[in-house]
């Protein structure tokens, strides 16, 4: 819910910058919202860590995994990703970088 509420803040920051990685877009109590905005998709991360490099690398690896899913001819775009392999990959990326 907090990440969803932060989408307006993300939109405001996007208009002012062309950056893909937006660190510290919004704050809610002890939580920070960061975003990664490649073409056509928004990745939002709610976190309490200050590891900017790790968060940036997490987003880049997540984007790579997402693109691989999109390139799968059996995946229907604009549908939820229900792949256990993708979920395991995201967890592995999070353990490595966060």
N, C-alpha and C. Protein backbone atom coordinates (compact mmCIF):
# COMPACT_ATOMS: atom_id res chain seq x y z
N UNK A 1 0.82 -1.18 0.00
CA UNK A 1 0.00 0.00 0.00
C UNK A 1 0.87 1.26 0.00
N UNK A 2 1.94 1.26 0.75
CA UNK A 2 2.83 2.42 0.80
C UNK A 2 3.48 2.65 -0.56
N UNK A 3 3.93 1.56 -1.20
CA UNK A 3 4.54 1.69 -2.52
C UNK A 3 3.53 2.24 -3.52
N UNK A 4 2.30 1.78 -3.43
CA UNK A 4 1.25 2.27 -4.33
C UNK A 4 0.99 3.76 -4.11
N UNK A 5 0.97 4.19 -2.87
CA UNK A 5 0.76 5.61 -2.56
C UNK A 5 1.91 6.46 -3.09
N UNK A 6 3.08 5.89 -3.25
CA UNK A 6 4.25 6.64 -3.69
C UNK A 6 4.31 6.82 -5.20
N UNK A 7 3.41 6.19 -5.94
CA UNK A 7 3.44 6.32 -7.39
C UNK A 7 3.31 7.78 -7.84
N UNK A 8 2.53 8.58 -7.13
CA UNK A 8 2.41 10.00 -7.49
C UNK A 8 3.75 10.71 -7.34
N UNK A 9 4.47 10.41 -6.27
CA UNK A 9 5.80 11.01 -6.06
C UNK A 9 6.75 10.58 -7.16
N UNK A 10 6.66 9.32 -7.56
CA UNK A 10 7.51 8.80 -8.64
C UNK A 10 7.21 9.56 -9.93
N UNK A 11 5.94 9.76 -10.24
CA UNK A 11 5.56 10.48 -11.46
C UNK A 11 6.11 11.91 -11.45
N UNK A 12 6.06 12.57 -10.30
CA UNK A 12 6.58 13.94 -10.20
C UNK A 12 8.08 13.98 -10.46
N UNK A 13 8.81 13.02 -9.91
CA UNK A 13 10.27 13.00 -10.09
C UNK A 13 10.63 12.64 -11.52
N UNK A 14 9.86 11.74 -12.14
CA UNK A 14 10.14 11.34 -13.52
C UNK A 14 10.07 12.55 -14.45
N UNK A 15 9.10 13.42 -14.23
CA UNK A 15 8.94 14.61 -15.08
C UNK A 15 10.16 15.52 -15.01
N UNK A 16 10.85 15.54 -13.89
CA UNK A 16 11.98 16.43 -13.72
C UNK A 16 13.33 15.84 -14.08
N UNK A 17 13.38 14.54 -14.34
CA UNK A 17 14.65 13.90 -14.63
C UNK A 17 14.46 12.79 -15.65
N UNK A 18 15.51 12.45 -16.34
CA UNK A 18 15.44 11.35 -17.29
C UNK A 18 16.12 10.10 -16.77
N UNK A 19 16.44 10.09 -15.49
CA UNK A 19 17.18 8.97 -14.90
C UNK A 19 16.31 7.72 -14.82
N UNK A 20 16.95 6.56 -14.95
CA UNK A 20 16.26 5.29 -14.78
C UNK A 20 16.09 4.95 -13.30
N UNK A 21 17.14 5.19 -12.51
CA UNK A 21 17.13 4.85 -11.09
C UNK A 21 16.84 6.10 -10.28
N UNK A 22 15.77 6.04 -9.50
CA UNK A 22 15.38 7.17 -8.65
C UNK A 22 15.48 6.73 -7.20
N UNK A 23 16.52 7.17 -6.51
CA UNK A 23 16.70 6.75 -5.12
C UNK A 23 15.99 7.73 -4.19
N UNK A 24 15.41 7.21 -3.14
CA UNK A 24 14.77 8.04 -2.14
C UNK A 24 13.67 8.93 -2.68
N UNK A 25 12.80 8.39 -3.50
CA UNK A 25 11.72 9.17 -4.11
C UNK A 25 10.73 9.66 -3.06
N UNK A 26 10.46 8.84 -2.06
CA UNK A 26 9.46 9.18 -1.05
C UNK A 26 9.86 8.51 0.26
N UNK A 27 9.34 9.01 1.37
CA UNK A 27 9.59 8.41 2.69
C UNK A 27 8.28 8.28 3.43
N UNK A 28 8.13 7.16 4.13
CA UNK A 28 6.98 6.91 5.01
C UNK A 28 7.53 6.33 6.30
N UNK A 29 7.50 7.14 7.35
CA UNK A 29 8.07 6.76 8.64
C UNK A 29 9.52 6.35 8.44
N UNK A 30 9.88 5.11 8.76
CA UNK A 30 11.28 4.67 8.62
C UNK A 30 11.56 4.05 7.25
N UNK A 31 10.56 4.01 6.38
CA UNK A 31 10.69 3.37 5.07
C UNK A 31 11.03 4.39 3.99
N UNK A 32 11.86 3.98 3.05
CA UNK A 32 12.21 4.80 1.89
C UNK A 32 11.71 4.09 0.64
N UNK A 33 11.24 4.86 -0.32
CA UNK A 33 10.77 4.31 -1.58
C UNK A 33 11.76 4.71 -2.67
N UNK A 34 12.28 3.70 -3.37
CA UNK A 34 13.14 3.94 -4.53
C UNK A 34 12.45 3.34 -5.74
N UNK A 35 12.81 3.82 -6.92
CA UNK A 35 12.15 3.35 -8.14
C UNK A 35 13.17 3.18 -9.25
N UNK A 36 12.83 2.30 -10.16
CA UNK A 36 13.62 2.07 -11.37
C UNK A 36 12.62 2.10 -12.52
N UNK A 37 12.82 3.02 -13.46
CA UNK A 37 11.81 3.27 -14.48
C UNK A 37 12.40 3.09 -15.88
N UNK A 38 12.59 1.85 -16.33
CA UNK A 38 12.95 1.66 -17.73
C UNK A 38 11.70 1.87 -18.59
N UNK A 39 11.83 1.85 -19.88
CA UNK A 39 10.70 2.09 -20.77
C UNK A 39 9.58 1.09 -20.56
N UNK A 40 8.38 1.60 -20.29
CA UNK A 40 7.19 0.77 -20.24
C UNK A 40 6.88 0.06 -18.94
N UNK A 41 7.70 0.22 -17.91
CA UNK A 41 7.45 -0.48 -16.65
C UNK A 41 8.02 0.34 -15.50
N UNK A 42 7.44 0.19 -14.31
CA UNK A 42 7.94 0.86 -13.11
C UNK A 42 8.19 -0.19 -12.05
N UNK A 43 9.41 -0.24 -11.55
CA UNK A 43 9.76 -1.10 -10.42
C UNK A 43 9.86 -0.20 -9.19
N UNK A 44 9.11 -0.52 -8.15
CA UNK A 44 9.08 0.26 -6.92
C UNK A 44 9.57 -0.63 -5.78
N UNK A 45 10.48 -0.12 -4.96
CA UNK A 45 11.02 -0.88 -3.84
C UNK A 45 10.85 -0.08 -2.56
N UNK A 46 10.23 -0.68 -1.58
CA UNK A 46 10.07 -0.10 -0.25
C UNK A 46 11.14 -0.73 0.64
N UNK A 47 12.03 0.09 1.21
CA UNK A 47 13.16 -0.46 1.95
C UNK A 47 13.53 0.42 3.13
N UNK A 48 14.32 -0.17 4.02
CA UNK A 48 14.82 0.58 5.17
C UNK A 48 16.35 0.60 5.20
N UNK A 49 16.98 0.10 4.16
CA UNK A 49 18.44 0.06 4.10
C UNK A 49 18.97 1.28 3.34
N UNK A 50 20.22 1.61 3.58
CA UNK A 50 20.84 2.77 2.94
C UNK A 50 21.87 2.35 1.89
N UNK A 51 21.76 1.15 1.38
CA UNK A 51 22.72 0.60 0.43
C UNK A 51 22.33 1.01 -0.99
N UNK A 52 22.65 2.25 -1.39
CA UNK A 52 22.25 2.76 -2.69
C UNK A 52 22.80 1.94 -3.85
N UNK A 53 24.07 1.54 -3.78
CA UNK A 53 24.66 0.74 -4.85
C UNK A 53 23.98 -0.63 -4.95
N UNK A 54 23.72 -1.25 -3.81
CA UNK A 54 23.05 -2.55 -3.81
C UNK A 54 21.64 -2.46 -4.36
N UNK A 55 20.93 -1.40 -4.02
CA UNK A 55 19.56 -1.22 -4.52
C UNK A 55 19.59 -1.00 -6.02
N UNK A 56 20.52 -0.19 -6.50
CA UNK A 56 20.64 0.05 -7.94
C UNK A 56 20.95 -1.24 -8.68
N UNK A 57 21.89 -2.04 -8.15
CA UNK A 57 22.23 -3.31 -8.78
C UNK A 57 21.06 -4.30 -8.72
N UNK A 58 20.30 -4.27 -7.61
CA UNK A 58 19.10 -5.11 -7.51
C UNK A 58 18.14 -4.77 -8.64
N UNK A 59 17.88 -3.49 -8.86
CA UNK A 59 16.95 -3.07 -9.91
C UNK A 59 17.45 -3.50 -11.29
N UNK A 60 18.72 -3.34 -11.55
CA UNK A 60 19.27 -3.72 -12.86
C UNK A 60 19.12 -5.21 -13.10
N UNK A 61 19.46 -6.03 -12.10
CA UNK A 61 19.32 -7.48 -12.25
C UNK A 61 17.85 -7.89 -12.34
N UNK A 62 16.97 -7.21 -11.61
CA UNK A 62 15.54 -7.48 -11.69
C UNK A 62 15.02 -7.17 -13.08
N UNK A 63 15.45 -6.06 -13.63
CA UNK A 63 15.03 -5.67 -14.98
C UNK A 63 15.48 -6.72 -15.99
N UNK A 64 16.71 -7.21 -15.85
CA UNK A 64 17.22 -8.24 -16.75
C UNK A 64 16.36 -9.51 -16.66
N UNK A 65 16.01 -9.92 -15.45
CA UNK A 65 15.15 -11.10 -15.28
C UNK A 65 13.77 -10.86 -15.88
N UNK A 66 13.25 -9.65 -15.71
CA UNK A 66 11.94 -9.30 -16.27
C UNK A 66 11.96 -9.34 -17.79
N UNK A 67 13.01 -8.80 -18.39
CA UNK A 67 13.13 -8.80 -19.85
C UNK A 67 13.19 -10.23 -20.37
N UNK A 68 13.89 -11.10 -19.66
CA UNK A 68 13.95 -12.51 -20.08
C UNK A 68 12.56 -13.14 -20.07
N UNK A 69 11.74 -12.79 -19.09
CA UNK A 69 10.36 -13.28 -19.05
C UNK A 69 9.58 -12.75 -20.26
N UNK A 70 9.75 -11.46 -20.56
CA UNK A 70 9.03 -10.86 -21.69
C UNK A 70 9.43 -11.49 -23.02
N UNK A 71 10.67 -11.94 -23.13
CA UNK A 71 11.14 -12.56 -24.37
C UNK A 71 10.65 -13.99 -24.55
N UNK A 72 10.09 -14.57 -23.50
CA UNK A 72 9.55 -15.93 -23.57
C UNK A 72 8.31 -15.92 -24.47
N UNK A 73 8.31 -16.70 -25.55
CA UNK A 73 7.16 -16.69 -26.46
C UNK A 73 5.87 -17.21 -25.82
N UNK A 74 5.96 -17.92 -24.71
CA UNK A 74 4.78 -18.45 -24.05
C UNK A 74 4.20 -17.51 -22.99
N UNK A 75 4.87 -16.39 -22.75
CA UNK A 75 4.38 -15.41 -21.78
C UNK A 75 3.47 -14.41 -22.47
N UNK A 76 2.32 -14.15 -21.88
CA UNK A 76 1.39 -13.15 -22.40
C UNK A 76 1.66 -11.83 -21.68
N UNK A 77 2.00 -10.80 -22.45
CA UNK A 77 2.31 -9.51 -21.83
C UNK A 77 1.09 -8.93 -21.12
N UNK A 78 1.36 -8.06 -20.17
CA UNK A 78 0.33 -7.40 -19.36
C UNK A 78 -0.50 -8.38 -18.54
N UNK A 79 0.13 -9.48 -18.15
CA UNK A 79 -0.50 -10.44 -17.25
C UNK A 79 0.44 -10.65 -16.07
N UNK A 80 -0.08 -11.09 -14.94
CA UNK A 80 0.81 -11.35 -13.79
C UNK A 80 1.83 -12.44 -14.11
N UNK A 81 3.01 -12.29 -13.56
CA UNK A 81 4.06 -13.31 -13.72
C UNK A 81 3.86 -14.33 -12.62
N UNK A 82 3.53 -15.57 -13.01
CA UNK A 82 3.24 -16.62 -12.04
C UNK A 82 4.27 -17.75 -12.12
N UNK A 83 5.48 -17.40 -12.43
CA UNK A 83 6.54 -18.39 -12.60
C UNK A 83 7.30 -18.60 -11.29
N UNK A 84 7.31 -19.83 -10.77
CA UNK A 84 8.12 -20.10 -9.58
C UNK A 84 9.61 -19.85 -9.82
N UNK A 85 10.07 -20.08 -11.05
CA UNK A 85 11.48 -19.83 -11.38
C UNK A 85 11.79 -18.34 -11.31
N UNK A 86 10.87 -17.50 -11.79
CA UNK A 86 11.07 -16.06 -11.72
C UNK A 86 11.08 -15.59 -10.27
N UNK A 87 10.17 -16.12 -9.47
CA UNK A 87 10.12 -15.76 -8.05
C UNK A 87 11.41 -16.15 -7.34
N UNK A 88 11.91 -17.34 -7.65
CA UNK A 88 13.18 -17.79 -7.05
C UNK A 88 14.33 -16.89 -7.50
N UNK A 89 14.30 -16.48 -8.76
CA UNK A 89 15.35 -15.60 -9.29
C UNK A 89 15.33 -14.25 -8.57
N UNK A 90 14.14 -13.69 -8.37
CA UNK A 90 14.02 -12.40 -7.68
C UNK A 90 14.52 -12.51 -6.24
N UNK A 91 14.18 -13.60 -5.57
CA UNK A 91 14.66 -13.80 -4.20
C UNK A 91 16.17 -13.92 -4.17
N UNK A 92 16.74 -14.60 -5.15
CA UNK A 92 18.20 -14.73 -5.24
C UNK A 92 18.86 -13.37 -5.47
N UNK A 93 18.28 -12.58 -6.34
CA UNK A 93 18.80 -11.23 -6.61
C UNK A 93 18.74 -10.38 -5.34
N UNK A 94 17.62 -10.47 -4.61
CA UNK A 94 17.46 -9.70 -3.38
C UNK A 94 18.50 -10.12 -2.33
N UNK A 95 18.73 -11.42 -2.19
CA UNK A 95 19.72 -11.89 -1.21
C UNK A 95 21.12 -11.39 -1.57
N UNK A 96 21.41 -11.34 -2.86
CA UNK A 96 22.74 -10.94 -3.30
C UNK A 96 22.99 -9.44 -3.10
N UNK A 97 21.97 -8.62 -3.32
CA UNK A 97 22.20 -7.17 -3.34
C UNK A 97 21.64 -6.40 -2.15
N UNK A 98 20.67 -6.97 -1.44
CA UNK A 98 20.03 -6.19 -0.37
C UNK A 98 20.41 -6.68 1.00
